[in-house]
Amino acid sequence: MAKREKRSIVDLMDHPSPEIDQLEGAVEKIHQLEPAAKAEKEKTVRVTVDTPESLHKELKKAIIDESMDLKTFFLEAVREKYEKLKSKS
């Protein structure tokens, strides 16, 4: 994931505030949007895995380039391994 640039209140003070018409138009546009259909989420179960600190650091560095978080990485790795095991039987 790309990190956001940190800005201070001083940075924000240098920019002019949007006009009230712009704000009202933006709010109206947002409220006119159709709500996205919510996909049914499967119930989840929390799993805790203890990993060596060195492996944790290496994984975090490696997945930054993939714009992925550890949760996604582990889920994909487990699914991939499970599919291989399932296809053997």
Foldseek 3Di string as FASTA:
>chain_A
DDDDDDDDVVVVVVDDDDDPVVVVVVVVVVVPDDDDDDDDDDDDDDDDDDDPPVVVVVVVVVCVVVVDDPVVVVVVVVVVVVVVVVVVD
